[in-house]
N, C-alpha and C. Protein backbone atom coordinates (compact mmCIF):
# COMPACT_ATOMS: atom_id res chain seq x y z
N MET A 1 -4.22 12.92 -15.77
CA MET A 1 -4.99 13.08 -14.96
C MET A 1 -4.36 12.04 -12.96
N LYS A 2 -4.13 12.88 -12.39
CA LYS A 2 -3.90 11.91 -10.73
C LYS A 2 -4.48 11.77 -10.27
N ASN A 3 -5.36 11.08 -9.51
CA ASN A 3 -5.73 11.36 -8.53
C ASN A 3 -4.87 10.15 -7.09
N ARG A 4 -4.68 10.73 -6.54
CA ARG A 4 -4.09 10.99 -4.99
C ARG A 4 -4.93 9.91 -4.02
N TYR A 5 -4.88 9.15 -3.51
CA TYR A 5 -5.45 8.52 -2.30
C TYR A 5 -4.20 8.65 -1.38
N TYR A 6 -3.97 8.96 0.25
CA TYR A 6 -3.02 9.03 1.30
C TYR A 6 -3.31 7.34 1.92
N ILE A 7 -2.48 7.15 2.68
CA ILE A 7 -2.46 6.18 3.82
C ILE A 7 -2.24 6.43 4.81
N ARG A 8 -3.34 5.85 5.44
CA ARG A 8 -4.09 5.87 7.14
C ARG A 8 -3.00 6.24 7.84
N VAL A 9 -3.00 6.84 8.46
CA VAL A 9 -1.53 6.73 9.82
C VAL A 9 -2.82 7.12 11.00
N GLU A 10 -3.27 6.21 12.22
CA GLU A 10 -3.57 6.74 13.56
C GLU A 10 -2.58 7.62 13.83
N PRO A 11 -3.37 8.29 14.68
CA PRO A 11 -2.69 9.14 15.88
C PRO A 11 -1.56 8.63 16.37
N TRP A 12 -1.53 7.69 17.02
CA TRP A 12 -1.17 6.67 18.11
C TRP A 12 0.35 6.26 17.20
N TRP A 13 0.02 6.29 15.70
CA TRP A 13 0.85 5.11 15.59
C TRP A 13 2.11 6.60 14.05
N ARG A 14 1.61 7.34 14.55
CA ARG A 14 2.42 8.78 13.85
C ARG A 14 3.82 8.22 13.94
N PRO A 15 4.27 8.43 15.16
CA PRO A 15 6.02 8.60 16.03
C PRO A 15 6.57 7.64 15.53
N LEU A 16 5.90 5.82 15.26
CA LEU A 16 6.35 4.66 14.57
C LEU A 16 7.20 4.69 13.37
N VAL A 17 5.73 5.01 12.42
CA VAL A 17 6.22 6.12 10.89
C VAL A 17 7.40 6.49 10.70
N LEU A 18 7.12 7.50 11.20
CA LEU A 18 7.74 9.02 11.49
C LEU A 18 9.81 8.52 11.87
N VAL A 19 9.77 6.81 12.16
CA VAL A 19 11.36 7.13 12.11
C VAL A 19 11.81 5.83 10.80
N GLY A 20 10.64 5.82 9.68
CA GLY A 20 11.12 5.64 9.05
C GLY A 20 10.50 6.87 7.83
N GLY A 21 10.57 8.20 7.91
CA GLY A 21 10.16 8.92 7.40
C GLY A 21 8.95 9.54 6.78
N ALA A 22 7.81 8.71 6.91
CA ALA A 22 6.44 8.88 6.39
C ALA A 22 5.87 9.40 7.49
N THR A 23 5.03 10.93 6.46
CA THR A 23 4.06 11.37 6.78
C THR A 23 3.27 12.07 6.25
N ARG A 24 2.40 12.45 6.36
CA ARG A 24 0.90 12.75 5.64
C ARG A 24 1.80 13.47 4.01
N GLU A 25 2.70 13.96 3.83
CA GLU A 25 2.83 14.26 2.81
C GLU A 25 3.29 13.57 2.06
N ASN A 26 4.22 12.25 2.49
CA ASN A 26 5.23 11.00 1.95
C ASN A 26 4.25 10.15 1.70
N ALA A 27 2.95 9.65 2.30
CA ALA A 27 2.35 8.08 2.21
C ALA A 27 0.86 8.62 1.89
N TYR A 28 1.18 7.82 0.22
CA TYR A 28 0.22 7.91 -0.83
C TYR A 28 0.30 6.89 -1.55
N ILE A 29 -0.62 7.54 -2.82
CA ILE A 29 -0.56 6.25 -3.59
C ILE A 29 -1.29 7.32 -4.87
N ASP A 30 -0.46 7.28 -6.25
CA ASP A 30 -0.73 8.63 -7.03
C ASP A 30 -1.02 7.24 -8.02
N MET A 31 -1.89 7.65 -8.99
CA MET A 31 -3.13 7.08 -9.77
C MET A 31 -3.27 7.64 -11.26
N ASP A 32 -2.70 6.54 -11.88
CA ASP A 32 -3.23 7.30 -13.26
C ASP A 32 -3.72 6.63 -14.18
N ASP A 33 -3.30 6.67 -15.77
CA ASP A 33 -4.20 5.96 -16.50
C ASP A 33 -3.14 4.60 -16.67
N ASP A 34 -1.83 4.70 -16.37
CA ASP A 34 -0.83 4.05 -16.81
C ASP A 34 -0.39 2.96 -15.36
N GLY A 35 -0.42 3.43 -14.52
CA GLY A 35 0.19 3.01 -12.52
C GLY A 35 -0.50 3.76 -12.01
N LEU A 36 0.47 2.93 -10.86
CA LEU A 36 0.22 3.60 -9.47
C LEU A 36 1.44 2.88 -8.49
N THR A 37 1.98 4.92 -8.13
CA THR A 37 3.09 5.46 -7.55
C THR A 37 3.01 5.05 -6.05
N ILE A 38 3.43 4.69 -5.14
CA ILE A 38 3.29 3.68 -3.91
C ILE A 38 4.24 4.49 -3.23
N CYS A 39 3.93 5.44 -2.33
CA CYS A 39 5.18 6.01 -1.06
C CYS A 39 4.68 5.78 0.15
N TYR A 40 5.97 5.45 1.29
CA TYR A 40 5.47 5.49 2.53
C TYR A 40 6.76 6.04 3.41
N GLY A 41 7.39 7.58 2.41
CA GLY A 41 8.09 7.83 3.30
C GLY A 41 8.98 7.47 2.61
N MET A 42 10.30 6.99 3.29
CA MET A 42 11.85 7.06 2.51
C MET A 42 12.38 5.39 2.61
N LEU A 43 11.21 4.72 2.85
CA LEU A 43 11.41 3.15 3.14
C LEU A 43 11.14 2.39 1.92
N PHE A 44 9.73 3.32 1.09
CA PHE A 44 8.94 2.56 -0.07
C PHE A 44 9.02 3.16 -0.89
N GLY A 45 9.11 3.62 -2.28
CA GLY A 45 8.34 4.08 -3.28
C GLY A 45 8.95 3.65 -4.14
N HIS A 46 7.58 2.82 -4.98
CA HIS A 46 7.88 2.06 -6.30
C HIS A 46 6.34 2.59 -7.60
N THR A 47 6.49 1.87 -8.53
CA THR A 47 5.05 2.19 -9.87
C THR A 47 4.78 0.72 -10.15
N VAL A 48 3.82 0.66 -10.03
CA VAL A 48 2.81 -0.39 -10.31
C VAL A 48 1.95 -0.51 -11.55
N MET A 49 2.41 -1.07 -12.08
CA MET A 49 1.82 -0.51 -13.46
C MET A 49 0.46 -1.34 -13.81
N ARG A 50 -0.72 -0.94 -14.08
CA ARG A 50 -1.98 -1.78 -13.81
C ARG A 50 -1.82 -2.71 -14.72
N ALA A 51 -1.56 -3.04 -15.69
CA ALA A 51 -1.28 -4.30 -16.33
C ALA A 51 -0.86 -5.13 -15.26
N ASP A 52 0.22 -5.42 -14.14
CA ASP A 52 0.06 -6.35 -13.31
C ASP A 52 -0.82 -6.24 -12.61
N ILE A 53 -1.76 -5.50 -11.70
CA ILE A 53 -2.64 -6.00 -11.18
C ILE A 53 -3.85 -7.11 -11.34
N GLU A 54 -3.75 -7.64 -10.86
CA GLU A 54 -4.29 -8.87 -11.05
C GLU A 54 -6.06 -8.47 -10.22
N SER A 55 -6.04 -8.46 -9.19
CA SER A 55 -6.70 -8.15 -8.41
C SER A 55 -6.75 -7.38 -7.21
N ALA A 56 -7.77 -5.74 -6.48
CA ALA A 56 -7.35 -6.12 -5.58
C ALA A 56 -8.76 -6.02 -4.61
N ALA A 57 -8.97 -6.07 -3.08
CA ALA A 57 -9.59 -5.94 -2.30
C ALA A 57 -9.60 -5.74 -1.11
N LYS A 58 -10.82 -5.00 -0.42
CA LYS A 58 -10.39 -4.74 0.74
C LYS A 58 -10.10 -6.16 1.96
N ARG A 59 -8.95 -6.16 3.02
CA ARG A 59 -9.16 -7.61 3.67
C ARG A 59 -8.98 -6.59 5.30
N ASP A 60 -8.68 -7.57 5.88
CA ASP A 60 -8.50 -7.33 7.37
C ASP A 60 -7.03 -7.70 8.04
N TRP A 61 -6.74 -6.97 8.91
CA TRP A 61 -5.48 -6.51 9.19
C TRP A 61 -4.79 -6.44 10.92
N PRO A 62 -5.15 -7.20 11.48
CA PRO A 62 -4.90 -7.37 12.68
C PRO A 62 -4.06 -7.04 13.54
N ILE A 63 -4.08 -6.53 14.23
CA ILE A 63 -3.20 -6.21 15.12
C ILE A 63 -1.62 -6.11 15.74
N TRP A 64 -2.08 -7.77 16.02
CA TRP A 64 -0.91 -8.52 15.42
C TRP A 64 0.31 -8.53 14.06
N MET A 65 -0.52 -8.21 13.28
CA MET A 65 0.57 -8.56 12.17
C MET A 65 1.46 -6.82 12.38
N GLY A 66 0.98 -6.13 13.11
CA GLY A 66 1.48 -4.80 13.24
C GLY A 66 1.35 -4.17 12.18
N VAL A 67 2.14 -2.68 12.42
CA VAL A 67 2.21 -1.63 11.30
C VAL A 67 3.57 -0.79 10.84
N GLY A 68 3.57 -0.13 10.16
CA GLY A 68 5.00 0.24 9.47
C GLY A 68 4.75 -0.34 7.85
N TRP A 69 5.96 -1.13 8.38
CA TRP A 69 6.69 -1.15 6.72
C TRP A 69 6.95 -3.23 6.68
N ARG A 70 6.12 -3.95 6.71
CA ARG A 70 6.12 -5.16 7.29
C ARG A 70 5.55 -6.23 5.82
N SER A 71 6.79 -7.43 6.32
CA SER A 71 7.19 -8.18 5.56
C SER A 71 6.03 -9.58 6.08
N ASP A 72 5.87 -10.56 5.24
CA ASP A 72 5.49 -11.87 5.53
C ASP A 72 6.90 -12.93 5.82
N LEU A 73 7.23 -12.33 4.45
CA LEU A 73 8.29 -13.48 4.16
C LEU A 73 7.83 -14.16 3.27
N ARG A 74 6.49 -14.23 2.93
CA ARG A 74 6.10 -15.47 1.92
C ARG A 74 4.83 -14.39 0.50
N GLY A 75 5.82 -13.18 -0.24
CA GLY A 75 4.72 -13.00 -1.09
C GLY A 75 4.19 -11.39 -0.63
N GLY A 76 4.00 -11.54 0.49
CA GLY A 76 3.15 -9.99 1.21
C GLY A 76 4.33 -8.92 1.87
N PHE A 77 3.59 -7.67 1.34
CA PHE A 77 4.56 -6.32 1.62
C PHE A 77 2.67 -5.32 2.48
N GLY A 78 3.24 -4.82 3.39
CA GLY A 78 2.28 -4.00 4.32
C GLY A 78 2.61 -2.51 4.54
N LEU A 79 1.84 -2.24 3.84
CA LEU A 79 2.43 -0.14 3.69
C LEU A 79 1.01 0.42 5.24
N ILE A 80 1.84 -0.25 6.33
CA ILE A 80 0.13 0.18 7.12
C ILE A 80 0.69 0.91 8.60
N GLY A 81 -0.76 1.77 8.48
CA GLY A 81 -0.16 3.12 8.97
C GLY A 81 -1.67 2.74 10.41
N SER A 82 -2.79 2.29 10.29
CA SER A 82 -3.85 2.09 10.43
C SER A 82 -4.67 0.13 10.07
N THR A 83 -5.28 -0.50 11.22
CA THR A 83 -5.33 -1.38 11.18
C THR A 83 -6.87 -1.54 10.41
N GLN A 84 -7.56 0.10 9.96
CA GLN A 84 -8.49 0.38 9.36
C GLN A 84 -8.84 0.59 7.79
N GLY A 85 -9.25 0.15 6.62
CA GLY A 85 -8.85 0.72 5.67
C GLY A 85 -7.86 0.35 4.78
N VAL A 86 -7.86 -1.53 5.06
CA VAL A 86 -6.70 -1.46 4.22
C VAL A 86 -7.19 -2.33 3.24
N VAL A 87 -6.46 -2.19 1.94
CA VAL A 87 -6.37 -2.89 0.29
C VAL A 87 -5.84 -3.19 -0.08
N GLU A 88 -5.70 -5.10 -0.64
CA GLU A 88 -4.39 -5.47 -0.61
C GLU A 88 -4.42 -5.57 -2.27
N LEU A 89 -3.40 -5.59 -2.74
CA LEU A 89 -3.29 -5.51 -4.08
C LEU A 89 -2.51 -6.36 -4.69
N ARG A 90 -3.46 -7.80 -5.10
CA ARG A 90 -1.91 -9.23 -6.15
C ARG A 90 -1.90 -8.59 -6.99
N LEU A 91 -0.75 -8.92 -7.53
CA LEU A 91 0.06 -8.55 -8.57
C LEU A 91 0.64 -9.77 -9.70
N THR A 92 0.73 -9.73 -10.26
CA THR A 92 0.80 -10.68 -11.51
C THR A 92 3.37 -10.87 -12.03
N THR A 93 2.91 -9.14 -11.85
CA THR A 93 4.75 -9.64 -12.21
C THR A 93 5.31 -9.24 -9.88
N PRO A 94 5.93 -9.50 -9.71
CA PRO A 94 6.85 -9.58 -8.18
C PRO A 94 7.68 -7.64 -8.56
N VAL A 95 6.95 -7.39 -7.15
CA VAL A 95 8.05 -6.48 -7.24
C VAL A 95 9.34 -6.53 -6.45
N ARG A 96 10.24 -6.02 -7.23
CA ARG A 96 11.31 -5.71 -5.73
C ARG A 96 10.73 -5.01 -5.06
N VAL A 97 11.01 -5.18 -3.44
CA VAL A 97 11.42 -4.65 -1.83
C VAL A 97 13.06 -4.71 -1.68
N TRP A 98 13.11 -3.17 -1.68
CA TRP A 98 14.76 -3.16 -0.61
C TRP A 98 15.63 -4.13 -1.06
N ARG A 99 15.54 -4.43 -2.72
CA ARG A 99 16.37 -5.35 -3.07
C ARG A 99 16.60 -6.38 -2.62
N VAL A 100 15.34 -7.11 -1.92
CA VAL A 100 16.04 -8.66 -1.27
C VAL A 100 14.17 -9.09 -1.43
N LEU A 101 13.32 -8.97 -1.33
CA LEU A 101 12.08 -9.17 -0.99
C LEU A 101 11.51 -9.21 -2.59
N ASN A 102 10.61 -10.37 -2.70
CA ASN A 102 9.92 -10.18 -4.03
C ASN A 102 8.73 -10.57 -3.48
N CYS A 103 8.05 -9.43 -4.08
CA CYS A 103 6.09 -8.91 -2.87
C CYS A 103 5.11 -9.52 -4.37
N THR A 104 4.50 -10.01 -4.40
CA THR A 104 2.92 -10.33 -5.10
C THR A 104 2.06 -10.14 -4.53
N ARG A 105 1.87 -9.05 -3.62
CA ARG A 105 0.88 -8.87 -2.54
C ARG A 105 1.01 -7.72 -1.70
N ILE A 106 0.68 -6.15 -1.88
CA ILE A 106 1.13 -5.09 -1.05
C ILE A 106 -0.38 -4.71 -0.56
N ALA A 107 0.28 -5.08 0.52
CA ALA A 107 -1.35 -4.22 1.90
C ALA A 107 -1.05 -2.37 1.70
N VAL A 108 -2.23 -2.00 1.75
CA VAL A 108 -1.90 -0.49 2.20
C VAL A 108 -3.09 -0.26 3.04
N SER A 109 -2.77 0.47 3.81
CA SER A 109 -3.81 1.38 4.76
C SER A 109 -4.58 2.72 3.89
N LEU A 110 -5.74 2.70 3.57
CA LEU A 110 -5.82 4.02 2.70
C LEU A 110 -7.21 4.73 3.99
N GLU A 111 -6.68 6.17 3.93
CA GLU A 111 -7.94 6.89 4.19
C GLU A 111 -9.17 6.59 2.73
N ASP A 112 -9.41 6.54 2.17
CA ASP A 112 -10.51 6.01 1.24
C ASP A 112 -10.41 4.98 -0.33
N PRO A 113 -10.67 4.00 1.07
CA PRO A 113 -10.13 2.74 0.37
C PRO A 113 -11.32 2.03 -0.65
N ASP A 114 -12.39 2.77 -0.80
CA ASP A 114 -13.27 2.70 -1.76
C ASP A 114 -13.84 3.43 -2.43
N GLY A 115 -13.43 4.44 -2.28
CA GLY A 115 -12.48 5.62 -3.82
C GLY A 115 -11.91 4.81 -4.13
N PHE A 116 -10.82 4.92 -3.72
CA PHE A 116 -9.61 3.38 -4.29
C PHE A 116 -10.03 2.68 -5.34
N LEU A 117 -10.62 1.78 -4.31
CA LEU A 117 -11.19 0.60 -5.35
C LEU A 117 -12.11 0.94 -6.78
N SER A 118 -13.21 1.57 -6.58
CA SER A 118 -13.55 2.16 -7.77
C SER A 118 -13.02 2.89 -8.95
N GLU A 119 -12.14 3.13 -8.27
CA GLU A 119 -11.00 4.18 -9.88
C GLU A 119 -10.23 2.98 -9.96
N LEU A 120 -9.66 1.79 -9.38
CA LEU A 120 -9.07 0.88 -9.84
C LEU A 120 -9.02 0.31 -11.28
N GLY A 121 -10.78 0.24 -10.30
CA GLY A 121 -11.77 -0.89 -11.51
C GLY A 121 -10.91 -2.51 -11.65
N VAL A 122 -10.83 -2.94 -10.66
CA VAL A 122 -10.35 -4.05 -11.41
C VAL A 122 -10.80 -5.79 -10.74
N PRO A 123 -10.94 -6.91 -10.86
CA PRO A 123 -11.54 -7.89 -10.30
C PRO A 123 -11.00 -7.57 -9.03
N ALA A 124 -12.24 -8.00 -7.70
CA ALA A 124 -12.08 -8.13 -6.26
C ALA A 124 -11.50 -9.50 -6.17
N GLY A 125 -10.77 -9.26 -5.71
CA GLY A 125 -9.33 -10.14 -4.82
C GLY A 125 -10.24 -11.74 -4.18
């Protein structure tokens, strides 16, 4: 069984993320027993195995860190449409993003962060 958690995108940021093809229909995390399929428009689509998730927790995302597809160039990657409801996944195995970035942390702004974390059931980071 798959459960879908939509990425939160505030109305004023929709035009910005639409440039990368992100709409409500393709901005989500699908969770099943084996892993998470994370999609954010045309610019991000990866599957992360549950076994590779070390921890997950809510985190702050200040507006100065930006919205859209964000990298801190130090192993962190953000899929952000809102500064609210941001959850960070810490990974044991890096994910390769855009063929150049190795990410061990993925932050996602979610409409239902509490439901997502409850279902994920991994230790808090």
